[in-house]
Amino acid sequence: MLRFALLFLAVLVLPVQAATVNDLYRTQVTLIGSDQQADQAAREQGLANVLVKISGNTDILNNATIKTAITNSGRYVSQLGYSQVDGQRAINLSFDKNQIKQLLIKSKASIWKDQRPNILVWMVDNDGQQRNILWDQSTNALVNDTKQAADSRGLPLTFPVGDITDETAVNASDLWGGFIDPIAVASTRYHADGLLLVKAQQQPDANVTLHWQFYPQQPSKIATAEVQPITGTTSGTLAQSSNKMINQVTDYLANKYAVVLGGVAGGKVNIEVDNIQSTENFFALEKMLNGLTTVNSANAMRIKGDSVIFQLNLQGSEQAFHQEISHDDQVRQTQSAIAFAADPAVSTTSAIIPVTTDTVSAVPSVTASSALTVTPQNIYSWNS
């Protein structure tokens, strides 16, 4: 395979893209009671929690196939244990990734991969007397409730740390007034994929009203973005308000990034990616393709100049693949095909970067038995 040839050429350092959510298949449920029935109920609730996180869709619990699976939750559990949480007994559950994935495919549900947009949250609280920015370590319960709501949906959140850099870059008046320029500048250091601006108005009855704006692009781009932010208002207790807000934000993102794998799979498809200028680009591309939910495996078949042909084994439809890859900023679709796109693959004596004769002789060649046909809609350019 070509990837082994390129291993001789460089030590790889990959850029970080989005945020990887590591606990999608794990959950903790408080036990209501100490009998077997309470244990079973907790396992069912645990599976429901995990399915909502992975699918990105709360409505998945209304799916008939999912309902049946939840009543047989034990078959999906890979590990369990017990602990104490605030004086109450709880069960810690881990679920089998492959079995969960097959269940979602069978039920024709959506799957949202573990690399998800990291959202920066600027939150300012008005208690009727003064306005305060709520930092990451704030003791205000609204911060903790918002984090818990995001965790239950598998949404990565970052609150500003509130150090001297933050405090000198933006103030509560900037946030309350929605002044984008200072907010964008203060946000740049966090390398987020989106920005959630929240104004919390405390009510006399101990409830809260949240007025929020969600910018689904990198903070550095919000000042010049043509797309208007998504806005909303939620009211209730701290937990209720934060849950409603996070659910609306997560539903928007899941609708954009989650893909449906059920139905007729696409089999194999060849794609061409141009502008691969280095081995780092190649391996970053390979990792990106193999990380797509719709791709079962990605195999490099041919390299010529700065272009590469990959053969993808899809586990979803080709339409779902196009939907998913269109949201990745690392590539963009183009109609500019190179001459070898429909030629049979030959030995890889030309690499992405110059190599020595000794290196080439140590690299196995790759031969294909049929032409590598690439259709125009499967031609992309790497954004190096």
Protein backbone atom coordinates (compact mmCIF):
# COMPACT_ATOMS: atom_id res chain seq x y z
CA MET A 1 0.00 0.00 0.00
CA LEU A 2 1.10 3.56 -0.73
CA ARG A 3 0.87 4.63 2.90
CA PHE A 4 3.77 2.33 3.77
CA ALA A 5 5.88 3.99 1.07
CA LEU A 6 5.25 7.38 2.57
CA LEU A 7 6.14 6.21 6.06
CA PHE A 8 9.75 6.26 4.91
CA LEU A 9 9.54 9.93 4.04
CA ALA A 10 8.55 11.89 7.14
CA VAL A 11 7.69 11.98 10.80
CA LEU A 12 4.07 12.99 11.03
CA VAL A 13 2.68 15.83 13.11
CA LEU A 14 -1.04 16.28 12.50
CA PRO A 15 -3.03 19.44 13.09
CA VAL A 16 -5.83 19.25 15.61
CA GLN A 17 -9.31 19.44 14.08
CA ALA A 18 -12.38 20.11 16.22
CA ALA A 19 -12.55 18.27 19.55
CA THR A 20 -12.62 14.54 20.17
CA VAL A 21 -15.34 13.48 22.61
CA ASN A 22 -13.94 10.51 24.50
CA ASP A 23 -16.90 9.43 26.62
CA LEU A 24 -19.70 9.04 24.08
CA TYR A 25 -20.12 5.37 24.91
CA ARG A 26 -19.98 5.85 28.69
CA THR A 27 -22.58 7.13 31.12
CA GLN A 28 -23.43 7.23 34.81
CA VAL A 29 -26.97 6.71 36.12
CA THR A 30 -28.19 7.15 39.69
CA LEU A 31 -29.92 4.03 41.05
CA ILE A 32 -33.45 4.57 42.35
CA GLY A 33 -33.71 1.62 44.71
CA SER A 34 -31.48 -1.35 45.40
CA ASP A 35 -33.30 -4.27 43.76
CA GLN A 36 -32.77 -5.92 40.39
CA GLN A 37 -35.58 -3.91 38.83
CA ALA A 38 -33.83 -0.64 39.74
CA ASP A 39 -30.59 -1.96 38.25
CA GLN A 40 -32.34 -2.91 35.00
CA ALA A 41 -34.05 0.47 34.78
CA ALA A 42 -30.70 2.21 35.21
CA ARG A 43 -29.13 0.12 32.44
CA GLU A 44 -31.98 0.98 30.09
CA GLN A 45 -31.63 4.67 30.94
CA GLY A 46 -27.89 4.41 30.37
CA LEU A 47 -28.35 2.96 26.89
CA ALA A 48 -30.89 5.67 26.08
CA ASN A 49 -28.40 8.33 27.23
CA VAL A 50 -25.65 6.94 25.02
CA LEU A 51 -27.87 6.57 21.96
CA VAL A 52 -28.93 10.21 22.21
CA LYS A 53 -25.29 11.33 22.46
CA ILE A 54 -24.08 9.25 19.53
CA SER A 55 -27.00 9.92 17.21
CA GLY A 56 -27.29 13.59 18.12
CA ASN A 57 -31.05 13.13 18.09
CA THR A 58 -33.36 13.03 21.12
CA ASP A 59 -36.19 11.70 18.94
CA ILE A 60 -34.26 8.48 18.43
CA LEU A 61 -35.93 7.10 21.57
CA ASN A 62 -39.23 7.01 19.64
CA ASN A 63 -37.76 4.63 17.04
CA ALA A 64 -39.41 1.18 17.28
CA THR A 65 -36.11 -0.70 16.77
CA ILE A 66 -34.41 1.43 19.41
CA LYS A 67 -37.25 0.88 21.90
CA THR A 68 -36.84 -2.90 21.54
CA ALA A 69 -33.06 -2.65 21.94
CA ILE A 70 -33.38 -0.61 25.13
CA THR A 71 -35.43 -3.37 26.77
CA ASN A 72 -32.48 -5.69 26.00
CA SER A 73 -29.81 -3.21 27.06
CA GLY A 74 -27.60 -5.88 28.65
CA ARG A 75 -26.41 -7.21 25.30
CA TYR A 76 -24.83 -3.83 24.49
CA VAL A 77 -23.01 -3.34 27.81
CA SER A 78 -19.25 -3.91 27.64
CA GLN A 79 -18.34 -2.85 31.19
CA LEU A 80 -20.11 -1.78 34.37
CA GLY A 81 -19.33 -0.77 37.91
CA TYR A 82 -20.90 0.98 40.90
CA SER A 83 -20.02 4.19 42.69
CA GLN A 84 -21.36 6.82 45.07
CA VAL A 85 -22.51 10.22 43.77
CA ASP A 86 -23.59 12.81 46.34
CA GLY A 87 -24.40 10.02 48.77
CA GLN A 88 -26.43 8.03 46.25
CA ARG A 89 -25.49 4.75 44.63
CA ALA A 90 -24.88 4.98 40.89
CA ILE A 91 -24.05 2.57 38.08
CA ASN A 92 -21.24 3.35 35.62
CA LEU A 93 -21.83 1.85 32.19
CA SER A 94 -19.74 1.45 29.06
CA PHE A 95 -21.34 0.22 25.84
CA ASP A 96 -19.84 -1.70 22.93
CA LYS A 97 -19.03 0.73 20.12
CA ASN A 98 -19.47 -1.73 17.25
CA GLN A 99 -22.77 -3.10 18.52
CA ILE A 100 -24.15 0.38 19.07
CA LYS A 101 -23.11 1.39 15.58
CA GLN A 102 -24.78 -1.66 14.06
CA LEU A 103 -27.93 -0.91 16.04
CA LEU A 104 -28.05 2.64 14.69
CA ILE A 105 -27.50 1.40 11.14
CA LYS A 106 -30.27 -1.20 11.56
CA SER A 107 -32.67 1.42 12.90
CA LYS A 108 -31.72 3.82 10.06
CA ALA A 109 -30.77 6.41 12.65
CA SER A 110 -28.13 9.11 12.40
CA ILE A 111 -24.58 8.82 13.74
CA TRP A 112 -22.49 11.80 14.81
CA LYS A 113 -18.80 10.97 14.97
CA ASP A 114 -16.68 11.67 18.03
CA GLN A 115 -14.89 14.64 16.44
CA ARG A 116 -17.31 17.48 17.07
CA PRO A 117 -17.20 21.28 16.96
CA ASN A 118 -15.79 22.80 20.13
CA ILE A 119 -18.02 25.66 21.25
CA LEU A 120 -16.67 28.63 23.22
CA VAL A 121 -19.20 30.02 25.72
CA TRP A 122 -19.16 33.64 26.76
CA MET A 123 -21.75 34.05 29.52
CA VAL A 124 -22.61 37.21 31.44
CA ASP A 125 -24.96 37.14 34.42
CA ASN A 126 -27.20 40.04 35.48
CA ASP A 127 -28.45 39.63 39.05
CA GLY A 128 -30.29 42.94 39.09
CA GLN A 129 -27.41 44.80 40.69
CA GLN A 130 -24.41 44.10 38.51
CA ARG A 131 -23.29 42.11 35.50
CA ASN A 132 -20.55 39.53 35.87
CA ILE A 133 -18.77 37.36 33.33
CA LEU A 134 -19.01 33.69 34.27
CA TRP A 135 -15.59 32.07 33.85
CA ASP A 136 -14.69 28.39 33.68
CA GLN A 137 -14.15 28.04 37.44
CA SER A 138 -17.09 30.22 38.44
CA THR A 139 -19.13 29.04 41.42
CA ASN A 140 -22.32 30.18 39.70
CA ALA A 141 -24.46 27.04 39.27
CA LEU A 142 -25.39 28.09 35.74
CA VAL A 143 -21.89 27.22 34.52
CA ASN A 144 -22.05 23.72 35.97
CA ASP A 145 -25.62 23.16 34.70
CA THR A 146 -24.60 24.25 31.20
CA LYS A 147 -21.60 21.91 31.24
CA GLN A 148 -23.77 18.99 32.40
CA ALA A 149 -26.35 19.69 29.70
CA ALA A 150 -23.62 19.71 27.05
CA ASP A 151 -22.08 16.51 28.42
CA SER A 152 -25.43 14.72 28.16
CA ARG A 153 -25.52 15.58 24.45
CA GLY A 154 -21.85 14.93 23.74
CA LEU A 155 -21.16 18.57 22.87
CA PRO A 156 -17.67 19.92 23.67
CA LEU A 157 -17.83 23.27 25.49
CA THR A 158 -15.07 25.65 26.56
CA PHE A 159 -15.58 28.49 29.03
CA PRO A 160 -12.89 31.23 29.09
CA VAL A 161 -10.45 30.82 31.95
CA GLY A 162 -10.81 34.42 33.13
CA ASP A 163 -7.12 35.25 33.47
CA ILE A 164 -5.60 38.70 32.98
CA THR A 165 -5.58 38.21 29.18
CA ASP A 166 -9.33 37.59 29.13
CA GLU A 167 -10.14 40.37 31.57
CA THR A 168 -8.23 42.98 29.57
CA ALA A 169 -9.59 41.81 26.20
CA VAL A 170 -13.32 41.97 26.91
CA ASN A 171 -15.66 43.19 29.64
CA ALA A 172 -19.23 42.48 30.73
CA SER A 173 -20.57 45.51 28.84
CA ASP A 174 -19.06 44.19 25.59
CA LEU A 175 -20.79 40.86 26.08
CA TRP A 176 -24.13 42.32 27.20
CA GLY A 177 -24.14 44.72 24.27
CA GLY A 178 -23.06 42.02 21.81
CA PHE A 179 -20.10 44.00 20.49
CA ILE A 180 -18.62 41.49 18.08
CA ASP A 181 -15.16 42.96 17.46
CA PRO A 182 -13.78 42.74 21.04
CA ILE A 183 -15.54 39.39 21.54
CA ALA A 184 -13.93 37.98 18.39
CA VAL A 185 -10.48 39.21 19.41
CA ALA A 186 -10.80 37.82 22.94
CA SER A 187 -11.97 34.47 21.56
CA THR A 188 -9.12 33.88 19.13
CA ARG A 189 -6.81 32.31 21.72
CA TYR A 190 -9.24 29.43 22.32
CA HIS A 191 -9.25 28.05 18.74
CA ALA A 192 -12.95 27.21 18.95
CA ASP A 193 -15.20 26.07 16.09
CA GLY A 194 -18.21 28.10 17.21
CA LEU A 195 -19.23 30.72 19.74
CA LEU A 196 -22.20 30.84 22.11
CA LEU A 197 -22.93 34.26 23.62
CA VAL A 198 -25.31 34.07 26.60
CA LYS A 199 -26.97 36.85 28.62
CA ALA A 200 -28.48 35.51 31.85
CA GLN A 201 -31.15 37.60 33.57
CA GLN A 202 -31.91 36.46 37.11
CA GLN A 203 -35.60 36.57 38.07
CA PRO A 204 -37.13 37.38 41.52
CA ASP A 205 -38.53 33.83 41.80
CA ALA A 206 -35.00 32.31 41.56
CA ASN A 207 -35.55 31.34 37.93
CA VAL A 208 -33.46 32.67 35.07
CA THR A 209 -34.03 33.84 31.51
CA LEU A 210 -31.28 33.15 28.97
CA HIS A 211 -30.99 35.24 25.83
CA TRP A 212 -28.44 33.59 23.57
CA GLN A 213 -26.78 33.91 20.19
CA PHE A 214 -24.95 31.03 18.56
CA TYR A 215 -22.34 31.69 15.86
CA PRO A 216 -21.62 28.39 14.06
CA GLN A 217 -18.23 29.49 12.73
CA GLN A 218 -14.78 30.13 14.12
CA PRO A 219 -14.76 33.26 16.33
CA SER A 220 -12.20 34.94 14.07
CA LYS A 221 -14.80 34.87 11.27
CA ILE A 222 -17.91 36.04 13.09
CA ALA A 223 -17.28 39.75 12.49
CA THR A 224 -17.32 39.26 8.71
CA ALA A 225 -19.68 36.27 8.44
CA GLU A 226 -22.62 36.67 6.08
CA VAL A 227 -24.67 34.08 7.97
CA GLN A 228 -26.65 35.52 10.85
CA PRO A 229 -26.29 33.87 14.29
CA ILE A 230 -28.94 31.50 15.59
CA THR A 231 -30.80 33.16 18.46
CA GLY A 232 -33.08 31.97 21.23
CA THR A 233 -34.59 32.69 24.62
CA THR A 234 -35.23 30.12 27.35
CA SER A 235 -36.67 30.53 30.84
CA GLY A 236 -37.07 28.37 33.93
CA THR A 237 -34.78 27.01 36.61
CA LEU A 238 -31.05 27.12 35.95
CA ALA A 239 -31.05 23.46 34.88
CA GLN A 240 -34.17 23.80 32.72
CA SER A 241 -32.96 26.92 30.94
CA SER A 242 -29.46 25.62 30.26
CA ASN A 243 -30.84 22.28 29.02
CA LYS A 244 -33.24 23.97 26.59
CA MET A 245 -30.48 26.22 25.26
CA ILE A 246 -27.91 23.43 24.83
CA ASN A 247 -30.50 21.15 23.22
CA GLN A 248 -31.31 23.77 20.59
CA VAL A 249 -27.64 24.42 19.83
CA THR A 250 -26.82 20.70 19.70
CA ASP A 251 -29.83 19.92 17.52
CA TYR A 252 -28.61 22.51 15.01
CA LEU A 253 -25.10 21.04 14.91
CA ALA A 254 -26.27 17.43 14.80
CA ASN A 255 -28.61 18.22 11.92
CA LYS A 256 -25.59 19.60 10.09
CA TYR A 257 -22.94 17.00 10.92
CA ALA A 258 -24.68 13.71 11.80
CA VAL A 259 -25.22 11.29 8.91
CA VAL A 260 -27.70 8.47 8.35
CA LEU A 261 -26.02 5.15 7.61
CA GLY A 262 -29.15 3.04 7.14
CA GLY A 263 -30.47 2.07 3.73
CA VAL A 264 -28.44 1.08 0.67
CA ALA A 265 -24.69 1.41 1.18
CA GLY A 266 -22.56 2.97 -1.55
CA GLY A 267 -19.99 0.17 -1.89
CA LYS A 268 -16.72 1.51 -3.28
CA VAL A 269 -16.04 4.98 -4.61
CA ASN A 270 -12.84 6.60 -5.86
CA ILE A 271 -11.99 10.19 -5.03
CA GLU A 272 -9.17 12.40 -6.20
CA VAL A 273 -7.61 14.99 -3.91
CA ASP A 274 -5.26 17.61 -5.38
CA ASN A 275 -2.81 20.05 -3.77
CA ILE A 276 -1.15 17.42 -1.54
CA GLN A 277 2.12 19.27 -1.02
CA SER A 278 3.80 17.13 1.63
CA THR A 279 3.72 13.82 3.45
CA GLU A 280 2.07 15.63 6.35
CA ASN A 281 -0.76 16.61 4.00
CA PHE A 282 -1.07 13.00 2.80
CA PHE A 283 -1.34 11.45 6.23
CA ALA A 284 -3.66 14.19 7.48
CA LEU A 285 -5.91 13.48 4.48
CA GLU A 286 -5.79 9.73 5.08
CA LYS A 287 -6.65 10.18 8.76
CA MET A 288 -9.51 12.54 7.90
CA LEU A 289 -11.01 10.10 5.39
CA ASN A 290 -10.73 7.12 7.74
CA GLY A 291 -12.34 9.21 10.48
CA LEU A 292 -15.50 9.89 8.47
CA THR A 293 -18.56 8.06 9.76
CA THR A 294 -19.59 7.05 6.25
CA VAL A 295 -16.18 5.54 5.41
CA ASN A 296 -15.28 2.03 6.50
CA SER A 297 -11.75 2.24 5.08
CA ALA A 298 -9.74 4.56 2.82
CA ASN A 299 -6.92 3.12 0.68
CA ALA A 300 -4.48 5.21 -1.35
CA MET A 301 -4.33 3.76 -4.87
CA ARG A 302 -2.30 6.22 -6.95
CA ILE A 303 -0.07 9.27 -6.52
CA LYS A 304 1.04 11.61 -9.29
CA GLY A 305 2.54 14.99 -8.67
CA ASP A 306 0.51 16.65 -5.94
CA SER A 307 -2.63 14.55 -6.51
CA VAL A 308 -3.78 11.31 -4.88
CA ILE A 309 -6.55 8.86 -5.69
CA PHE A 310 -8.16 7.09 -2.73
CA GLN A 311 -10.53 4.17 -2.98
CA LEU A 312 -13.15 4.38 -0.24
CA ASN A 313 -15.19 1.50 1.12
CA LEU A 314 -18.41 3.16 2.24
CA GLN A 315 -20.66 1.99 5.04
CA GLY A 316 -23.32 4.53 4.14
CA SER A 317 -24.72 5.85 0.89
CA GLU A 318 -22.59 7.94 -1.44
CA GLN A 319 -25.01 10.80 -0.83
CA ALA A 320 -24.35 10.57 2.92
CA PHE A 321 -20.61 10.59 2.21
CA HIS A 322 -20.90 13.78 0.16
CA GLN A 323 -22.97 15.37 2.91
CA GLU A 324 -20.40 14.52 5.55
CA ILE A 325 -17.26 15.52 3.67
CA SER A 326 -18.84 18.82 2.59
CA HIS A 327 -18.65 19.94 6.24
CA ASP A 328 -14.91 19.34 6.54
CA ASP A 329 -12.87 22.51 6.14
CA GLN A 330 -9.76 20.56 5.15
CA VAL A 331 -11.04 19.87 1.63
CA ARG A 332 -13.16 21.65 -0.94
CA GLN A 333 -14.86 20.25 -3.99
CA THR A 334 -13.42 21.24 -7.38
CA GLN A 335 -14.04 20.37 -11.01
CA SER A 336 -10.35 20.39 -11.98
CA ALA A 337 -9.31 16.79 -12.69
CA ILE A 338 -5.77 15.72 -13.53
CA ALA A 339 -4.93 13.64 -16.59
CA PHE A 340 -4.32 10.31 -14.87
CA ALA A 341 -7.74 10.18 -13.19
CA ALA A 342 -9.05 7.38 -15.42
CA ASP A 343 -5.72 5.61 -16.01
CA PRO A 344 -4.83 2.23 -14.51
CA ALA A 345 -2.70 2.50 -11.39
CA VAL A 346 1.00 1.77 -11.84
CA SER A 347 4.00 1.49 -9.55
CA THR A 348 4.60 4.44 -7.28
CA THR A 349 8.02 5.58 -8.47
CA SER A 350 6.98 9.24 -8.19
CA ALA A 351 6.20 10.41 -4.69
CA ILE A 352 4.73 13.58 -3.28
CA ILE A 353 8.18 14.88 -2.41
CA PRO A 354 11.57 13.95 -3.89
CA VAL A 355 13.05 10.68 -2.60
CA THR A 356 16.39 8.96 -3.03
CA THR A 357 16.91 5.93 -5.27
CA ASP A 358 17.61 3.79 -2.22
CA THR A 359 14.33 4.83 -0.61
CA VAL A 360 12.29 4.09 -3.72
CA SER A 361 13.84 0.64 -4.11
CA ALA A 362 12.74 -0.22 -0.59
CA VAL A 363 9.12 0.74 -1.26
CA PRO A 364 6.64 -1.86 -2.57
CA SER A 365 4.76 -0.92 -5.72
CA VAL A 366 0.96 -0.88 -6.05
CA THR A 367 -0.89 -2.22 -9.05
CA ALA A 368 -4.61 -2.15 -9.76
CA SER A 369 -6.46 -4.59 -12.01
CA SER A 370 -8.96 -2.01 -13.28
CA ALA A 371 -9.07 1.67 -14.18
CA LEU A 372 -9.41 4.17 -11.36
CA THR A 373 -12.37 6.14 -12.61
CA VAL A 374 -13.06 9.35 -10.72
CA THR A 375 -16.28 11.24 -11.42
CA PRO A 376 -16.28 15.08 -11.31
CA GLN A 377 -18.27 15.22 -8.07
CA ASN A 378 -15.52 13.19 -6.39
CA ILE A 379 -12.66 15.59 -7.12
CA TYR A 380 -11.39 17.71 -4.23
CA SER A 381 -8.57 20.07 -3.36
CA TRP A 382 -6.72 19.95 -0.04
CA ASN A 383 -6.69 23.20 1.91
CA SER A 384 -3.07 23.16 3.02
